[in-house]
Amino acid sequence: MIKKLASSFSFFVFTGITLGLLTGGFPAYTNEISMASLITAMTFSLLPISFTSFSLKKGGKNIAVSLLINFGFLSTLTIALGLLFPEKIMNGFIVMAAVPTAIAVLPITTLLKGDVKYTLLSLSSMYLASFLITPFIILLFLQKEVNTTALLRDILLLIALPLVLSRFVRRIKMPKELPRIIANICFLLLVFGIIGKNRSFLFYNMEIVLLISAALFIRTFGSGILIKLIGKRKRLKDEEIIPFSLFASFKNEGMAILLCISLFPSDVAYVAAVPAVVAIIWEMIWACCLETKII
């Protein structure tokens, strides 16, 4: 039982969400701990990757489909749902639509036994494309400019650095299940810190939060299930469907929260950030459903 729980992504995520809501997260250094946790999870998730059997044709196709799913389909759906809410909340949905997918998609893909190699390629391409797409969406809908320094930092720290580190770590002999357990612990710390730090947002206005939650349930589960069904109909392998369904349901909510704080005055920023905080919970629950194959 202990071995099974230690390997369960769902168990660690739900533990992190519950403890974060109950305790309020870390007393200090939340950003630093979250960053270190995600870098570690990425590093251990990249261990199985080998580029010796890489196909440029398949890689190019996956990049195009992933960009279309995340920045085309998911962003459009997010903006459409945001239009149903008052301006302050709508601003949060637009910022969320503008950011790329979550970095966590890659370690989650590893934990769910998806195609990690091509997920990394698509993820990297998406972040490079976001240098143009993210400022364009925000400028188009909000008439505000975005500093792309944060995007460059994320690419270097959360994609390039773990990739380099993983080439050294993979030379170390370790038990087969250890990388998965380490990644699970990192996700517990990550979710615990993010949910705990933003707990007050969730109690901003319970009525509006419930409505936001319903909209984001549709955005996360509805889009994820739709892409999964399309993948099944196209007779794709499960390892290919998993990353596509994650690209269809995950956005970089941490970046969205930071952008809200930098783009809007404080009285607007913390209200606009509420959708991103709620979205984190639904995204993690969706990933757990994929692991347990409930949906």
Protein backbone atom coordinates (compact mmCIF):
# COMPACT_ATOMS: atom_id res chain seq x y z
CA MET A 1 0.00 0.00 0.00
CA ILE A 2 2.81 2.43 0.92
CA LYS A 3 4.64 1.67 -2.34
CA LYS A 4 1.43 2.22 -4.31
CA LEU A 5 0.73 5.57 -2.63
CA ALA A 6 4.32 6.71 -3.13
CA SER A 7 3.90 6.15 -6.88
CA SER A 8 0.46 7.80 -7.05
CA PHE A 9 0.47 11.27 -8.60
CA SER A 10 -3.18 11.72 -7.57
CA PHE A 11 -2.46 11.02 -3.89
CA PHE A 12 0.31 13.63 -3.71
CA VAL A 13 -1.67 16.27 -5.61
CA PHE A 14 -4.81 15.92 -3.49
CA THR A 15 -2.66 15.97 -0.34
CA GLY A 16 -1.00 19.18 -1.53
CA ILE A 17 -4.33 20.85 -2.38
CA THR A 18 -5.91 19.85 0.95
CA LEU A 19 -2.95 20.92 3.10
CA GLY A 20 -2.58 24.17 1.15
CA LEU A 21 -6.23 25.11 1.71
CA LEU A 22 -6.08 24.14 5.38
CA THR A 23 -2.76 25.70 6.37
CA GLY A 24 -2.10 28.53 3.92
CA GLY A 25 1.09 26.99 2.53
CA PHE A 26 4.69 27.82 3.41
CA PRO A 27 5.29 30.67 5.88
CA ALA A 28 8.01 32.11 3.60
CA TYR A 29 9.99 31.57 0.38
CA THR A 30 7.01 30.10 -1.49
CA ASN A 31 8.21 31.28 -4.90
CA GLU A 32 11.71 29.91 -4.37
CA ILE A 33 10.47 26.52 -3.11
CA SER A 34 7.95 26.27 -5.96
CA MET A 35 10.62 27.10 -8.55
CA ALA A 36 13.07 24.56 -7.10
CA SER A 37 10.32 21.90 -6.93
CA LEU A 38 9.35 22.40 -10.56
CA ILE A 39 12.99 22.38 -11.77
CA THR A 40 13.59 19.13 -9.85
CA ALA A 41 10.40 17.53 -11.17
CA MET A 42 11.35 18.54 -14.72
CA THR A 43 14.88 17.15 -14.32
CA PHE A 44 13.72 13.72 -13.17
CA SER A 45 10.94 13.66 -15.77
CA LEU A 46 13.48 14.17 -18.57
CA LEU A 47 15.65 11.21 -17.54
CA PRO A 48 14.06 8.71 -19.98
CA ILE A 49 14.45 11.01 -23.01
CA SER A 50 16.85 10.00 -25.76
CA PHE A 51 16.98 11.88 -29.04
CA THR A 52 18.63 9.09 -31.02
CA SER A 53 15.34 7.95 -32.61
CA PHE A 54 13.95 11.42 -33.18
CA SER A 55 11.68 12.00 -36.21
CA LEU A 56 11.60 15.55 -37.61
CA LYS A 57 8.37 14.81 -39.50
CA LYS A 58 6.55 13.61 -36.40
CA GLY A 59 8.11 16.38 -34.32
CA GLY A 60 6.92 19.10 -36.69
CA LYS A 61 3.41 17.67 -36.77
CA ASN A 62 3.24 17.49 -32.97
CA ILE A 63 4.41 21.10 -32.64
CA ALA A 64 1.74 22.34 -35.05
CA VAL A 65 -1.07 20.35 -33.40
CA SER A 66 0.02 21.38 -29.88
CA LEU A 67 0.15 25.08 -30.79
CA LEU A 68 -3.26 24.85 -32.42
CA ILE A 69 -4.76 23.10 -29.40
CA ASN A 70 -3.31 25.39 -26.72
CA PHE A 71 -3.10 28.82 -28.32
CA GLY A 72 -5.94 28.26 -30.80
CA PHE A 73 -8.67 26.16 -29.24
CA LEU A 74 -8.01 26.56 -25.49
CA SER A 75 -7.23 30.29 -25.63
CA THR A 76 -10.37 30.98 -27.68
CA LEU A 77 -12.54 28.98 -25.27
CA THR A 78 -10.99 30.76 -22.26
CA ILE A 79 -11.67 34.22 -23.72
CA ALA A 80 -15.24 33.23 -24.67
CA LEU A 81 -15.97 32.07 -21.10
CA GLY A 82 -14.34 35.22 -19.68
CA LEU A 83 -16.78 37.42 -21.59
CA LEU A 84 -19.55 36.07 -19.33
CA PHE A 85 -18.03 37.79 -16.27
CA PRO A 86 -17.59 41.40 -15.03
CA GLU A 87 -14.59 43.29 -16.39
CA LYS A 88 -12.16 42.61 -13.53
CA ILE A 89 -12.74 38.84 -13.75
CA MET A 90 -12.79 38.95 -17.55
CA ASN A 91 -9.33 40.54 -17.52
CA GLY A 92 -8.04 37.49 -15.63
CA PHE A 93 -9.50 35.10 -18.22
CA ILE A 94 -7.87 37.08 -21.05
CA VAL A 95 -4.45 37.03 -19.35
CA MET A 96 -4.89 33.29 -18.76
CA ALA A 97 -5.72 32.79 -22.45
CA ALA A 98 -2.59 34.71 -23.46
CA VAL A 99 -0.02 32.62 -21.58
CA PRO A 100 1.44 29.34 -22.88
CA THR A 101 0.73 25.92 -21.40
CA ALA A 102 2.04 25.03 -17.95
CA ILE A 103 5.65 23.84 -17.66
CA ALA A 104 4.23 21.10 -15.42
CA VAL A 105 2.69 19.43 -18.48
CA LEU A 106 6.00 17.69 -19.17
CA PRO A 107 6.57 16.03 -15.76
CA ILE A 108 2.86 15.15 -15.63
CA THR A 109 3.19 13.54 -19.08
CA THR A 110 6.07 11.46 -17.71
CA LEU A 111 4.08 10.38 -14.65
CA LEU A 112 1.13 9.42 -16.88
CA LYS A 113 3.46 7.49 -19.23
CA GLY A 114 2.88 9.75 -22.22
CA ASP A 115 5.27 10.64 -25.06
CA VAL A 116 7.85 12.77 -23.21
CA LYS A 117 10.28 13.40 -26.07
CA TYR A 118 7.81 15.09 -28.40
CA THR A 119 6.05 16.80 -25.48
CA LEU A 120 9.34 18.52 -24.64
CA LEU A 121 9.74 19.63 -28.25
CA SER A 122 6.17 20.99 -28.39
CA LEU A 123 6.51 22.67 -24.99
CA SER A 124 9.76 24.41 -25.95
CA SER A 125 8.28 25.57 -29.27
CA MET A 126 5.20 26.88 -27.51
CA TYR A 127 7.28 29.02 -25.16
CA LEU A 128 9.29 30.42 -28.05
CA ALA A 129 6.05 31.22 -29.90
CA SER A 130 4.69 32.89 -26.76
CA PHE A 131 7.19 35.73 -27.20
CA LEU A 132 4.91 36.90 -30.01
CA ILE A 133 1.52 35.38 -29.13
CA THR A 134 1.28 36.38 -25.45
CA PRO A 135 1.98 40.12 -25.95
CA PHE A 136 -0.25 40.13 -29.04
CA ILE A 137 -3.31 38.72 -27.20
CA ILE A 138 -2.87 41.06 -24.22
CA LEU A 139 -2.29 44.09 -26.43
CA LEU A 140 -5.29 43.18 -28.64
CA PHE A 141 -7.79 42.66 -25.81
CA LEU A 142 -6.37 44.77 -22.96
CA GLN A 143 -4.25 47.41 -24.77
CA LYS A 144 -1.33 46.73 -22.41
CA GLU A 145 2.32 45.89 -23.08
CA VAL A 146 4.06 42.80 -21.67
CA ASN A 147 7.67 42.51 -20.51
CA THR A 148 8.99 39.31 -22.15
CA THR A 149 11.83 38.92 -19.63
CA ALA A 150 9.73 36.52 -17.53
CA LEU A 151 9.15 34.32 -20.58
CA LEU A 152 12.88 34.12 -21.28
CA ARG A 153 13.56 33.31 -17.62
CA ASP A 154 11.03 30.46 -17.69
CA ILE A 155 12.54 28.96 -20.84
CA LEU A 156 16.07 29.00 -19.41
CA LEU A 157 15.29 27.95 -15.83
CA LEU A 158 12.42 25.52 -16.35
CA ILE A 159 13.23 23.91 -19.71
CA ALA A 160 16.90 24.39 -20.67
CA LEU A 161 18.42 23.93 -17.19
CA PRO A 162 16.49 20.71 -16.30
CA LEU A 163 17.36 19.25 -19.72
CA VAL A 164 21.08 19.81 -19.08
CA LEU A 165 20.86 18.53 -15.48
CA SER A 166 18.97 15.40 -16.57
CA ARG A 167 21.86 14.36 -18.85
CA PHE A 168 24.09 14.13 -15.73
CA VAL A 169 21.49 12.67 -13.33
CA ARG A 170 20.58 9.83 -15.73
CA ARG A 171 24.12 8.46 -15.31
CA ILE A 172 23.41 7.79 -11.63
CA LYS A 173 22.14 4.30 -10.81
CA MET A 174 18.91 4.45 -8.83
CA PRO A 175 15.82 2.30 -8.15
CA LYS A 176 13.34 2.29 -11.03
CA GLU A 177 10.53 3.99 -9.06
CA LEU A 178 12.69 6.66 -7.40
CA PRO A 179 12.40 9.34 -10.15
CA ARG A 180 8.60 9.01 -10.09
CA ILE A 181 8.48 9.29 -6.28
CA ILE A 182 10.77 12.36 -6.31
CA ALA A 183 8.60 14.00 -8.99
CA ASN A 184 5.45 13.26 -6.93
CA ILE A 185 6.98 14.85 -3.82
CA CYS A 186 7.93 17.90 -5.89
CA PHE A 187 4.34 18.24 -7.09
CA LEU A 188 3.05 18.01 -3.51
CA LEU A 189 5.37 20.88 -2.52
CA LEU A 190 4.47 22.86 -5.65
CA VAL A 191 0.68 22.52 -5.26
CA PHE A 192 0.85 23.03 -1.48
CA GLY A 193 2.79 26.28 -1.92
CA ILE A 194 0.75 27.74 -4.79
CA ILE A 195 -2.69 26.88 -3.37
CA GLY A 196 -1.69 27.93 0.13
CA LYS A 197 -0.22 31.26 -0.95
CA ASN A 198 -3.31 32.11 -2.99
CA ARG A 199 -5.87 30.73 -0.55
CA SER A 200 -7.31 34.16 0.21
CA PHE A 201 -8.20 34.59 -3.50
CA LEU A 202 -10.48 31.56 -3.28
CA PHE A 203 -12.48 33.19 -0.48
CA TYR A 204 -12.71 36.53 -2.29
CA ASN A 205 -16.43 36.12 -3.04
CA MET A 206 -17.79 32.60 -2.76
CA GLU A 207 -20.69 33.16 -5.16
CA ILE A 208 -18.51 34.51 -7.98
CA VAL A 209 -15.81 31.91 -7.23
CA LEU A 210 -18.38 29.12 -7.71
CA LEU A 211 -19.39 30.61 -11.07
CA ILE A 212 -15.73 30.93 -12.08
CA SER A 213 -15.19 27.35 -10.94
CA ALA A 214 -18.05 26.12 -13.15
CA ALA A 215 -16.62 27.98 -16.16
CA LEU A 216 -13.14 26.59 -15.58
CA PHE A 217 -14.49 23.09 -15.11
CA ILE A 218 -15.93 23.39 -18.62
CA ARG A 219 -12.66 24.88 -19.90
CA THR A 220 -10.46 22.21 -18.32
CA PHE A 221 -12.51 19.01 -18.39
CA GLY A 222 -14.61 19.87 -21.44
CA SER A 223 -11.63 20.73 -23.66
CA GLY A 224 -9.50 17.90 -22.29
CA ILE A 225 -12.21 15.28 -22.84
CA LEU A 226 -12.98 16.61 -26.34
CA ILE A 227 -9.34 16.34 -27.45
CA LYS A 228 -9.09 12.90 -25.87
CA LEU A 229 -12.17 11.72 -27.78
CA ILE A 230 -10.82 13.16 -31.04
CA GLY A 231 -7.52 11.37 -30.40
CA LYS A 232 -9.35 8.09 -29.85
CA ARG A 233 -11.33 8.60 -33.05
CA LYS A 234 -8.12 9.30 -34.97
CA ARG A 235 -6.76 6.06 -33.45
CA LEU A 236 -3.81 7.75 -31.81
CA LYS A 237 -1.85 5.85 -29.19
CA ASP A 238 -2.52 6.65 -25.52
CA GLU A 239 1.03 8.01 -25.16
CA GLU A 240 0.19 10.61 -27.84
CA ILE A 241 -3.28 11.44 -26.53
CA ILE A 242 -2.04 12.22 -23.00
CA PRO A 243 0.11 15.30 -23.87
CA PHE A 244 -2.49 16.59 -26.36
CA SER A 245 -5.22 16.38 -23.70
CA LEU A 246 -2.94 18.23 -21.26
CA PHE A 247 -2.15 20.95 -23.81
CA ALA A 248 -5.92 21.29 -24.24
CA SER A 249 -6.52 21.92 -20.54
CA PHE A 250 -3.41 23.48 -18.94
CA LYS A 251 -2.19 27.08 -18.96
CA ASN A 252 0.73 28.58 -17.04
CA GLU A 253 -1.39 29.91 -14.18
CA GLY A 254 1.64 31.04 -12.19
CA MET A 255 2.67 33.28 -15.06
CA ALA A 256 -0.93 34.47 -15.42
CA ILE A 257 -1.03 35.51 -11.75
CA LEU A 258 2.27 37.39 -12.06
CA LEU A 259 1.09 39.13 -15.23
CA CYS A 260 -2.15 40.20 -13.53
CA ILE A 261 -0.16 41.73 -10.68
CA SER A 262 2.19 43.56 -13.08
CA LEU A 263 -0.48 44.71 -15.56
CA PHE A 264 -3.25 45.98 -13.28
CA PRO A 265 -3.52 48.19 -10.17
CA SER A 266 -3.71 46.20 -6.93
CA ASP A 267 -7.49 46.52 -6.50
CA VAL A 268 -7.97 44.91 -9.93
CA ALA A 269 -4.99 42.54 -9.96
CA TYR A 270 -6.00 40.32 -7.07
CA VAL A 271 -9.54 39.94 -8.40
CA ALA A 272 -8.25 39.23 -11.92
CA ALA A 273 -5.95 36.54 -10.51
CA VAL A 274 -8.84 34.53 -9.01
CA PRO A 275 -9.57 32.54 -12.24
CA ALA A 276 -5.92 31.43 -12.46
CA VAL A 277 -5.94 30.18 -8.87
CA VAL A 278 -9.18 28.22 -9.40
CA ALA A 279 -7.82 26.85 -12.69
CA ILE A 280 -4.79 25.33 -10.93
CA ILE A 281 -7.07 23.16 -8.81
CA TRP A 282 -9.17 21.94 -11.77
CA GLU A 283 -6.06 21.25 -13.86
CA MET A 284 -4.53 19.09 -11.16
CA ILE A 285 -7.80 17.21 -10.63
CA TRP A 286 -8.00 16.64 -14.42
CA ALA A 287 -4.45 15.21 -14.43
CA CYS A 288 -5.43 12.92 -11.54
CA CYS A 289 -8.46 11.72 -13.52
CA LEU A 290 -6.16 10.90 -16.45
CA GLU A 291 -3.89 8.91 -14.12
CA THR A 292 -6.71 6.92 -12.55
CA LYS A 293 -8.48 6.61 -15.95
CA ILE A 294 -11.77 7.75 -14.41
CA ILE A 295 -12.41 9.71 -17.62
